[in-house]
Amino acid sequence: MLFSVQVEVSLREGVADPQGATIERSLPHLGFDGVQGVRVGKCIRFDLEAADEAAATAEVEDLCQRFLTNPVIEDATITVAAASGAR
């Protein structure tokens, strides 16, 4: 089966986020007041062939641990769903 995967990677709580801090400091100068707690992350999307959803999720978790994230400072939120068609 083909699955659509989305991995949202974010810095763990307590880890400094200089990109987020820079954006947050810049927003009032652009007229956006009241924005706080800005954190920057990344979203990785791909399709994966696997026997079933459990196998796909396990493979994505392994991929995150070994390649897509730095498990010391980053967390990953994984979404796996049956693909809705060929791309």
N, C-alpha and C. Protein backbone atom coordinates (compact mmCIF):
# COMPACT_ATOMS: atom_id res chain seq x y z
N MET A 1 0.84 -1.19 0.00
CA MET A 1 0.00 0.00 0.00
C MET A 1 0.88 1.25 0.00
N LEU A 2 0.33 2.31 -0.54
CA LEU A 2 1.03 3.58 -0.56
C LEU A 2 0.46 4.50 0.51
N PHE A 3 1.36 5.12 1.30
CA PHE A 3 0.95 6.00 2.37
C PHE A 3 1.54 7.39 2.17
N SER A 4 0.76 8.41 2.52
CA SER A 4 1.24 9.78 2.55
C SER A 4 1.73 10.04 3.96
N VAL A 5 2.94 10.57 4.06
CA VAL A 5 3.55 10.80 5.37
C VAL A 5 3.86 12.28 5.53
N GLN A 6 3.61 12.77 6.73
CA GLN A 6 4.01 14.13 7.10
C GLN A 6 4.73 14.05 8.43
N VAL A 7 5.94 14.61 8.47
CA VAL A 7 6.73 14.65 9.69
C VAL A 7 6.95 16.12 10.04
N GLU A 8 6.44 16.53 11.19
CA GLU A 8 6.66 17.89 11.68
C GLU A 8 7.76 17.84 12.73
N VAL A 9 8.85 18.55 12.47
CA VAL A 9 10.00 18.55 13.36
C VAL A 9 10.06 19.89 14.08
N SER A 10 10.18 19.83 15.40
CA SER A 10 10.28 21.05 16.19
C SER A 10 11.35 20.88 17.26
N LEU A 11 11.90 22.00 17.68
CA LEU A 11 12.89 21.97 18.75
C LEU A 11 12.20 21.60 20.06
N ARG A 12 12.89 20.85 20.89
CA ARG A 12 12.34 20.48 22.20
C ARG A 12 12.22 21.72 23.08
N GLU A 13 11.30 21.65 24.04
CA GLU A 13 11.15 22.74 25.00
C GLU A 13 12.49 22.96 25.70
N GLY A 14 12.85 24.21 25.89
CA GLY A 14 14.09 24.53 26.57
C GLY A 14 15.28 24.71 25.64
N VAL A 15 15.14 24.29 24.38
CA VAL A 15 16.22 24.48 23.41
C VAL A 15 16.05 25.85 22.77
N ALA A 16 17.12 26.62 22.76
CA ALA A 16 17.06 27.97 22.19
C ALA A 16 16.67 27.91 20.71
N ASP A 17 15.85 28.85 20.29
CA ASP A 17 15.39 28.93 18.90
C ASP A 17 15.73 30.32 18.36
N PRO A 18 16.97 30.53 17.88
CA PRO A 18 17.36 31.86 17.41
C PRO A 18 16.54 32.35 16.23
N GLN A 19 16.12 31.45 15.33
CA GLN A 19 15.28 31.88 14.21
C GLN A 19 13.94 32.41 14.71
N GLY A 20 13.33 31.68 15.63
CA GLY A 20 12.06 32.11 16.20
C GLY A 20 12.20 33.44 16.91
N ALA A 21 13.29 33.61 17.67
CA ALA A 21 13.52 34.86 18.39
C ALA A 21 13.69 36.03 17.42
N THR A 22 14.40 35.82 16.33
CA THR A 22 14.60 36.88 15.33
C THR A 22 13.28 37.28 14.70
N ILE A 23 12.47 36.30 14.34
CA ILE A 23 11.15 36.59 13.76
C ILE A 23 10.29 37.36 14.76
N GLU A 24 10.28 36.90 16.01
CA GLU A 24 9.46 37.54 17.03
C GLU A 24 9.87 38.99 17.26
N ARG A 25 11.17 39.26 17.27
CA ARG A 25 11.65 40.65 17.44
C ARG A 25 11.30 41.53 16.25
N SER A 26 11.23 40.95 15.05
CA SER A 26 10.97 41.72 13.84
C SER A 26 9.50 42.05 13.64
N LEU A 27 8.60 41.24 14.14
CA LEU A 27 7.17 41.41 13.85
C LEU A 27 6.61 42.77 14.28
N PRO A 28 6.93 43.31 15.46
CA PRO A 28 6.38 44.62 15.81
C PRO A 28 6.80 45.72 14.84
N HIS A 29 7.99 45.62 14.29
CA HIS A 29 8.46 46.62 13.32
C HIS A 29 7.67 46.55 12.02
N LEU A 30 7.02 45.42 11.78
CA LEU A 30 6.20 45.25 10.59
C LEU A 30 4.72 45.46 10.86
N GLY A 31 4.42 45.88 12.09
CA GLY A 31 3.03 46.18 12.43
C GLY A 31 2.27 45.02 13.03
N PHE A 32 2.94 43.95 13.39
CA PHE A 32 2.28 42.78 13.98
C PHE A 32 2.60 42.73 15.47
N ASP A 33 1.77 43.40 16.25
CA ASP A 33 1.98 43.44 17.70
C ASP A 33 1.27 42.26 18.36
N GLY A 34 1.75 41.89 19.53
CA GLY A 34 1.07 40.87 20.32
C GLY A 34 1.44 39.44 19.97
N VAL A 35 2.36 39.24 19.04
CA VAL A 35 2.78 37.88 18.70
C VAL A 35 3.91 37.48 19.63
N GLN A 36 3.79 36.30 20.23
CA GLN A 36 4.83 35.86 21.14
C GLN A 36 4.98 34.34 21.09
N GLY A 37 6.11 33.86 21.57
CA GLY A 37 6.36 32.42 21.60
C GLY A 37 6.62 31.82 20.24
N VAL A 38 7.23 32.58 19.33
CA VAL A 38 7.49 32.09 17.97
C VAL A 38 8.55 30.99 18.00
N ARG A 39 8.25 29.86 17.39
CA ARG A 39 9.18 28.74 17.27
C ARG A 39 9.21 28.34 15.80
N VAL A 40 10.38 28.01 15.29
CA VAL A 40 10.54 27.61 13.89
C VAL A 40 10.85 26.13 13.84
N GLY A 41 10.23 25.44 12.90
CA GLY A 41 10.47 24.01 12.70
C GLY A 41 10.51 23.71 11.22
N LYS A 42 10.32 22.44 10.90
CA LYS A 42 10.28 22.06 9.50
C LYS A 42 9.24 20.96 9.32
N CYS A 43 8.70 20.90 8.12
CA CYS A 43 7.71 19.89 7.76
C CYS A 43 8.25 19.11 6.57
N ILE A 44 8.28 17.80 6.70
CA ILE A 44 8.79 16.93 5.64
C ILE A 44 7.64 16.04 5.19
N ARG A 45 7.34 16.06 3.89
CA ARG A 45 6.25 15.24 3.33
C ARG A 45 6.80 14.30 2.28
N PHE A 46 6.31 13.07 2.28
CA PHE A 46 6.72 12.10 1.26
C PHE A 46 5.72 10.95 1.23
N ASP A 47 5.80 10.15 0.18
CA ASP A 47 4.99 8.94 0.06
C ASP A 47 5.87 7.74 0.37
N LEU A 48 5.26 6.71 0.96
CA LEU A 48 6.00 5.53 1.39
C LEU A 48 5.20 4.28 1.08
N GLU A 49 5.84 3.31 0.50
CA GLU A 49 5.24 2.00 0.22
C GLU A 49 5.48 1.12 1.44
N ALA A 50 4.41 0.53 1.99
CA ALA A 50 4.53 -0.36 3.14
C ALA A 50 3.36 -1.34 3.15
N ALA A 51 3.51 -2.42 3.90
CA ALA A 51 2.47 -3.45 3.95
C ALA A 51 1.17 -2.94 4.57
N ASP A 52 1.30 -2.15 5.63
CA ASP A 52 0.12 -1.60 6.31
C ASP A 52 0.53 -0.34 7.08
N GLU A 53 -0.45 0.30 7.72
CA GLU A 53 -0.18 1.57 8.40
C GLU A 53 0.81 1.39 9.56
N ALA A 54 0.70 0.28 10.28
CA ALA A 54 1.61 0.05 11.40
C ALA A 54 3.06 -0.08 10.91
N ALA A 55 3.25 -0.78 9.80
CA ALA A 55 4.60 -0.94 9.24
C ALA A 55 5.13 0.39 8.73
N ALA A 56 4.26 1.18 8.11
CA ALA A 56 4.67 2.50 7.61
C ALA A 56 5.07 3.40 8.77
N THR A 57 4.28 3.41 9.83
CA THR A 57 4.59 4.24 11.00
C THR A 57 5.91 3.82 11.63
N ALA A 58 6.13 2.52 11.76
CA ALA A 58 7.39 2.03 12.34
C ALA A 58 8.58 2.45 11.50
N GLU A 59 8.44 2.37 10.18
CA GLU A 59 9.55 2.76 9.30
C GLU A 59 9.83 4.26 9.39
N VAL A 60 8.78 5.06 9.47
CA VAL A 60 8.96 6.51 9.57
C VAL A 60 9.60 6.87 10.92
N GLU A 61 9.19 6.20 11.99
CA GLU A 61 9.81 6.45 13.30
C GLU A 61 11.30 6.14 13.26
N ASP A 62 11.67 5.03 12.62
CA ASP A 62 13.09 4.68 12.48
C ASP A 62 13.81 5.72 11.63
N LEU A 63 13.19 6.15 10.55
CA LEU A 63 13.77 7.17 9.68
C LEU A 63 14.01 8.47 10.45
N CYS A 64 13.07 8.85 11.30
CA CYS A 64 13.23 10.06 12.12
C CYS A 64 14.40 9.91 13.08
N GLN A 65 14.48 8.78 13.76
CA GLN A 65 15.55 8.55 14.72
C GLN A 65 16.93 8.55 14.06
N ARG A 66 17.02 8.00 12.86
CA ARG A 66 18.32 7.79 12.22
C ARG A 66 18.73 8.90 11.27
N PHE A 67 17.75 9.70 10.75
CA PHE A 67 18.12 10.63 9.68
C PHE A 67 17.40 11.98 9.70
N LEU A 68 16.09 11.98 9.87
CA LEU A 68 15.32 13.22 9.68
C LEU A 68 15.39 14.19 10.85
N THR A 69 15.70 13.72 12.04
CA THR A 69 15.76 14.60 13.21
C THR A 69 17.04 14.39 13.99
N ASN A 70 17.32 15.35 14.84
CA ASN A 70 18.37 15.19 15.84
C ASN A 70 17.64 14.89 17.14
N PRO A 71 17.54 13.64 17.54
CA PRO A 71 16.71 13.28 18.69
C PRO A 71 17.16 13.90 20.01
N VAL A 72 18.35 14.47 20.05
CA VAL A 72 18.82 15.12 21.27
C VAL A 72 18.09 16.46 21.48
N ILE A 73 17.82 17.19 20.40
CA ILE A 73 17.23 18.52 20.54
C ILE A 73 15.89 18.69 19.81
N GLU A 74 15.46 17.70 19.04
CA GLU A 74 14.24 17.85 18.25
C GLU A 74 13.23 16.74 18.56
N ASP A 75 11.95 17.08 18.42
CA ASP A 75 10.85 16.13 18.50
C ASP A 75 10.19 16.05 17.13
N ALA A 76 9.58 14.92 16.85
CA ALA A 76 8.87 14.75 15.58
C ALA A 76 7.44 14.31 15.84
N THR A 77 6.51 14.90 15.10
CA THR A 77 5.12 14.48 15.11
C THR A 77 4.86 13.85 13.75
N ILE A 78 4.46 12.60 13.74
CA ILE A 78 4.30 11.83 12.51
C ILE A 78 2.83 11.64 12.19
N THR A 79 2.46 11.89 10.94
CA THR A 79 1.12 11.61 10.45
C THR A 79 1.24 10.68 9.25
N VAL A 80 0.58 9.53 9.31
CA VAL A 80 0.60 8.55 8.22
C VAL A 80 -0.84 8.29 7.81
N ALA A 81 -1.14 8.41 6.51
CA ALA A 81 -2.49 8.16 6.01
C ALA A 81 -2.38 7.47 4.65
N ALA A 82 -3.37 6.67 4.34
CA ALA A 82 -3.41 6.03 3.03
C ALA A 82 -3.39 7.11 1.95
N ALA A 83 -2.56 6.90 0.95
CA ALA A 83 -2.45 7.87 -0.14
C ALA A 83 -3.75 7.90 -0.92
N SER A 84 -4.13 9.08 -1.36
CA SER A 84 -5.40 9.24 -2.07
C SER A 84 -5.30 9.04 -3.57
N GLY A 85 -4.13 8.68 -4.07
CA GLY A 85 -3.99 8.44 -5.50
C GLY A 85 -2.57 8.62 -5.95
N ALA A 86 -2.31 8.31 -7.18
CA ALA A 86 -0.96 8.44 -7.73
C ALA A 86 -0.63 9.90 -7.97
N ARG A 87 0.64 10.21 -7.85
CA ARG A 87 1.09 11.58 -8.11
C ARG A 87 1.89 11.62 -9.36
